[in-house]
């Protein structure tokens, strides 16, 4: 990425919206990144692996969806 604005635009356009992180010593850049990135989890100087399902009580990965029951007509 060329600069912070370009990185934020790229993440907001092509990212998953799940988890993103910035590695920087600049408090100002981190604050901008964390306020403008559109993701559920945004970290500063932290690995995105800390945002797995285990941390939220779902196990390492969870992909199961509750079964849908089809309505039966009488």
N, C-alpha and C. Protein backbone atom coordinates (compact mmCIF):
# COMPACT_ATOMS: atom_id res chain seq x y z
N UNK A 1 0.83 -1.17 0.00
CA UNK A 1 0.00 0.00 0.00
C UNK A 1 0.88 1.24 0.00
N UNK A 2 0.40 2.25 -0.67
CA UNK A 2 1.15 3.49 -0.75
C UNK A 2 1.10 4.31 0.52
N UNK A 3 -0.07 4.37 1.15
CA UNK A 3 -0.21 5.14 2.38
C UNK A 3 -1.39 4.62 3.18
N UNK A 4 -1.63 5.21 4.31
CA UNK A 4 -2.68 4.75 5.22
C UNK A 4 -4.06 4.85 4.58
N UNK A 5 -4.33 5.96 3.91
CA UNK A 5 -5.65 6.13 3.28
C UNK A 5 -5.91 5.06 2.23
N UNK A 6 -4.89 4.73 1.45
CA UNK A 6 -5.03 3.69 0.44
C UNK A 6 -5.28 2.33 1.08
N UNK A 7 -4.60 2.06 2.18
CA UNK A 7 -4.79 0.78 2.88
C UNK A 7 -6.21 0.68 3.44
N UNK A 8 -6.69 1.75 4.03
CA UNK A 8 -8.05 1.74 4.59
C UNK A 8 -9.08 1.56 3.49
N UNK A 9 -8.90 2.25 2.37
CA UNK A 9 -9.82 2.11 1.25
C UNK A 9 -9.82 0.67 0.71
N UNK A 10 -8.63 0.08 0.61
CA UNK A 10 -8.52 -1.30 0.13
C UNK A 10 -9.22 -2.27 1.08
N UNK A 11 -8.99 -2.13 2.37
CA UNK A 11 -9.62 -3.02 3.36
C UNK A 11 -11.14 -2.87 3.32
N UNK A 12 -11.63 -1.65 3.27
CA UNK A 12 -13.08 -1.43 3.27
C UNK A 12 -13.74 -1.89 1.97
N UNK A 13 -12.97 -1.96 0.89
CA UNK A 13 -13.52 -2.42 -0.39
C UNK A 13 -13.43 -3.94 -0.53
N UNK A 14 -12.28 -4.52 -0.20
CA UNK A 14 -12.03 -5.93 -0.47
C UNK A 14 -11.93 -6.82 0.77
N UNK A 15 -11.94 -6.26 1.95
CA UNK A 15 -11.79 -7.05 3.17
C UNK A 15 -13.03 -7.84 3.52
N UNK A 16 -12.86 -8.76 4.43
CA UNK A 16 -13.98 -9.62 4.85
C UNK A 16 -14.91 -8.93 5.84
N UNK A 17 -14.44 -7.86 6.46
CA UNK A 17 -15.24 -7.19 7.48
C UNK A 17 -15.20 -7.90 8.81
N UNK A 18 -14.33 -8.89 8.94
CA UNK A 18 -14.26 -9.66 10.18
C UNK A 18 -13.20 -9.10 11.12
N UNK A 19 -11.93 -9.14 10.70
CA UNK A 19 -10.83 -8.74 11.58
C UNK A 19 -9.72 -8.09 10.77
N UNK A 20 -9.24 -6.96 11.24
CA UNK A 20 -8.11 -6.29 10.61
C UNK A 20 -7.21 -5.72 11.69
N UNK A 21 -5.93 -5.55 11.35
CA UNK A 21 -4.96 -5.07 12.32
C UNK A 21 -3.96 -4.14 11.66
N UNK A 22 -3.45 -3.19 12.42
CA UNK A 22 -2.39 -2.30 11.95
C UNK A 22 -1.19 -2.48 12.88
N UNK A 23 0.00 -2.55 12.27
CA UNK A 23 1.24 -2.63 13.03
C UNK A 23 1.97 -1.31 12.81
N UNK A 24 2.04 -0.51 13.85
CA UNK A 24 2.66 0.81 13.75
C UNK A 24 3.05 1.31 15.13
N UNK A 25 4.03 2.19 15.15
CA UNK A 25 4.41 2.87 16.39
C UNK A 25 3.68 4.19 16.54
N UNK A 26 2.95 4.59 15.49
CA UNK A 26 2.28 5.88 15.50
C UNK A 26 0.88 5.77 16.11
N UNK A 27 0.70 6.42 17.24
CA UNK A 27 -0.61 6.43 17.90
C UNK A 27 -1.65 7.11 17.02
N UNK A 28 -1.25 8.15 16.33
CA UNK A 28 -2.17 8.90 15.47
C UNK A 28 -2.67 8.03 14.31
N UNK A 29 -1.73 7.33 13.63
CA UNK A 29 -2.12 6.47 12.51
C UNK A 29 -3.00 5.32 12.99
N UNK A 30 -2.67 4.76 14.14
CA UNK A 30 -3.48 3.67 14.69
C UNK A 30 -4.90 4.15 14.99
N UNK A 31 -5.03 5.34 15.55
CA UNK A 31 -6.35 5.88 15.87
C UNK A 31 -7.18 6.10 14.60
N UNK A 32 -6.55 6.62 13.56
CA UNK A 32 -7.24 6.82 12.29
C UNK A 32 -7.69 5.49 11.72
N UNK A 33 -6.76 4.52 11.69
CA UNK A 33 -7.06 3.19 11.16
C UNK A 33 -8.22 2.56 11.91
N UNK A 34 -8.14 2.60 13.23
CA UNK A 34 -9.15 1.92 14.04
C UNK A 34 -10.52 2.59 13.95
N UNK A 35 -10.56 3.87 13.65
CA UNK A 35 -11.85 4.53 13.54
C UNK A 35 -12.45 4.46 12.15
N UNK A 36 -11.63 4.22 11.13
CA UNK A 36 -12.15 4.23 9.76
C UNK A 36 -12.29 2.87 9.10
N UNK A 37 -11.62 1.85 9.62
CA UNK A 37 -11.75 0.51 9.03
C UNK A 37 -13.08 -0.09 9.45
N UNK A 38 -13.81 -0.58 8.47
CA UNK A 38 -15.15 -1.13 8.71
C UNK A 38 -15.05 -2.64 8.91
N UNK A 39 -14.67 -3.05 10.11
CA UNK A 39 -14.55 -4.46 10.46
C UNK A 39 -15.12 -4.69 11.85
N UNK A 40 -15.51 -5.92 12.10
CA UNK A 40 -16.03 -6.27 13.41
C UNK A 40 -14.99 -6.19 14.50
N UNK A 41 -13.74 -6.46 14.16
CA UNK A 41 -12.62 -6.43 15.10
C UNK A 41 -11.48 -5.68 14.45
N UNK A 42 -10.99 -4.65 15.10
CA UNK A 42 -9.86 -3.89 14.58
C UNK A 42 -8.83 -3.78 15.70
N UNK A 43 -7.60 -4.21 15.41
CA UNK A 43 -6.55 -4.28 16.42
C UNK A 43 -5.37 -3.39 16.07
N UNK A 44 -4.63 -3.02 17.09
CA UNK A 44 -3.40 -2.24 16.93
C UNK A 44 -2.27 -3.04 17.55
N UNK A 45 -1.26 -3.32 16.74
CA UNK A 45 -0.07 -4.08 17.16
C UNK A 45 -0.46 -5.41 17.81
N UNK A 46 -1.38 -6.09 17.18
CA UNK A 46 -1.87 -7.36 17.71
C UNK A 46 -2.17 -8.29 16.55
N UNK A 47 -1.87 -9.54 16.71
CA UNK A 47 -2.14 -10.52 15.67
C UNK A 47 -3.65 -10.73 15.51
N UNK A 48 -4.09 -10.92 14.28
CA UNK A 48 -5.51 -11.18 14.04
C UNK A 48 -5.90 -12.59 14.48
N UNK A 49 -4.96 -13.42 14.79
CA UNK A 49 -5.30 -14.77 15.26
C UNK A 49 -6.00 -14.73 16.62
N UNK A 50 -5.88 -13.60 17.32
CA UNK A 50 -6.57 -13.47 18.60
C UNK A 50 -8.07 -13.27 18.43
N UNK A 51 -8.53 -13.26 17.20
CA UNK A 51 -9.94 -13.07 16.93
C UNK A 51 -10.57 -14.35 16.39
N UNK A 52 -10.08 -15.49 16.82
CA UNK A 52 -10.69 -16.74 16.39
C UNK A 52 -11.90 -17.05 17.27
N UNK A 53 -12.64 -18.06 16.91
CA UNK A 53 -13.84 -18.41 17.66
C UNK A 53 -13.59 -18.79 19.10
N UNK A 54 -12.39 -19.31 19.38
CA UNK A 54 -12.07 -19.73 20.74
C UNK A 54 -12.20 -18.57 21.72
N UNK A 55 -11.77 -17.39 21.32
CA UNK A 55 -11.81 -16.23 22.21
C UNK A 55 -13.24 -15.81 22.55
N UNK A 56 -14.16 -16.15 21.67
CA UNK A 56 -15.54 -15.75 21.88
C UNK A 56 -16.42 -16.91 22.36
N UNK A 57 -15.77 -18.02 22.70
CA UNK A 57 -16.50 -19.14 23.26
C UNK A 57 -17.14 -20.07 22.23
N UNK A 58 -16.67 -20.00 20.98
CA UNK A 58 -17.26 -20.85 19.94
C UNK A 58 -16.36 -22.01 19.54
N UNK A 59 -15.21 -22.20 20.18
CA UNK A 59 -14.27 -23.20 19.75
C UNK A 59 -13.33 -22.59 18.72
N UNK A 60 -12.36 -23.35 18.26
CA UNK A 60 -11.37 -22.81 17.32
C UNK A 60 -12.03 -22.33 16.04
N UNK A 61 -12.98 -23.09 15.55
CA UNK A 61 -13.74 -22.68 14.37
C UNK A 61 -15.16 -23.17 14.55
N UNK A 62 -16.07 -22.39 14.07
CA UNK A 62 -17.44 -22.87 14.08
C UNK A 62 -18.08 -22.47 12.78
N UNK A 63 -18.67 -23.44 12.13
CA UNK A 63 -19.29 -23.21 10.84
C UNK A 63 -20.68 -23.81 10.79
N UNK A 64 -21.11 -24.41 11.87
CA UNK A 64 -22.42 -25.05 11.83
C UNK A 64 -23.52 -24.01 11.93
N UNK A 65 -24.54 -24.26 11.22
CA UNK A 65 -25.71 -23.38 11.21
C UNK A 65 -26.88 -24.19 11.73
N UNK A 66 -27.67 -23.64 12.61
CA UNK A 66 -28.81 -24.40 13.10
C UNK A 66 -29.68 -24.87 11.94
N UNK A 67 -30.22 -26.07 12.03
CA UNK A 67 -31.04 -26.57 10.93
C UNK A 67 -32.29 -25.72 10.77
N UNK A 68 -32.68 -25.59 9.54
CA UNK A 68 -33.92 -24.84 9.26
C UNK A 68 -35.05 -25.85 9.09
N UNK A 69 -36.14 -25.56 9.72
CA UNK A 69 -37.27 -26.46 9.63
C UNK A 69 -38.24 -25.90 8.59
N UNK A 70 -38.61 -26.75 7.68
CA UNK A 70 -39.54 -26.33 6.66
C UNK A 70 -40.96 -26.47 7.20
N UNK A 71 -41.74 -25.52 6.90
CA UNK A 71 -43.15 -25.57 7.31
C UNK A 71 -43.89 -26.56 6.44
N UNK A 72 -44.65 -27.39 7.09
CA UNK A 72 -45.44 -28.36 6.34
C UNK A 72 -46.88 -27.90 6.32
N UNK A 73 -47.42 -27.88 5.16
CA UNK A 73 -48.84 -27.51 5.02
C UNK A 73 -49.70 -28.70 5.43
N UNK A 74 -50.86 -28.42 6.05
CA UNK A 74 -51.74 -29.53 6.47
C UNK A 74 -52.34 -30.27 5.28
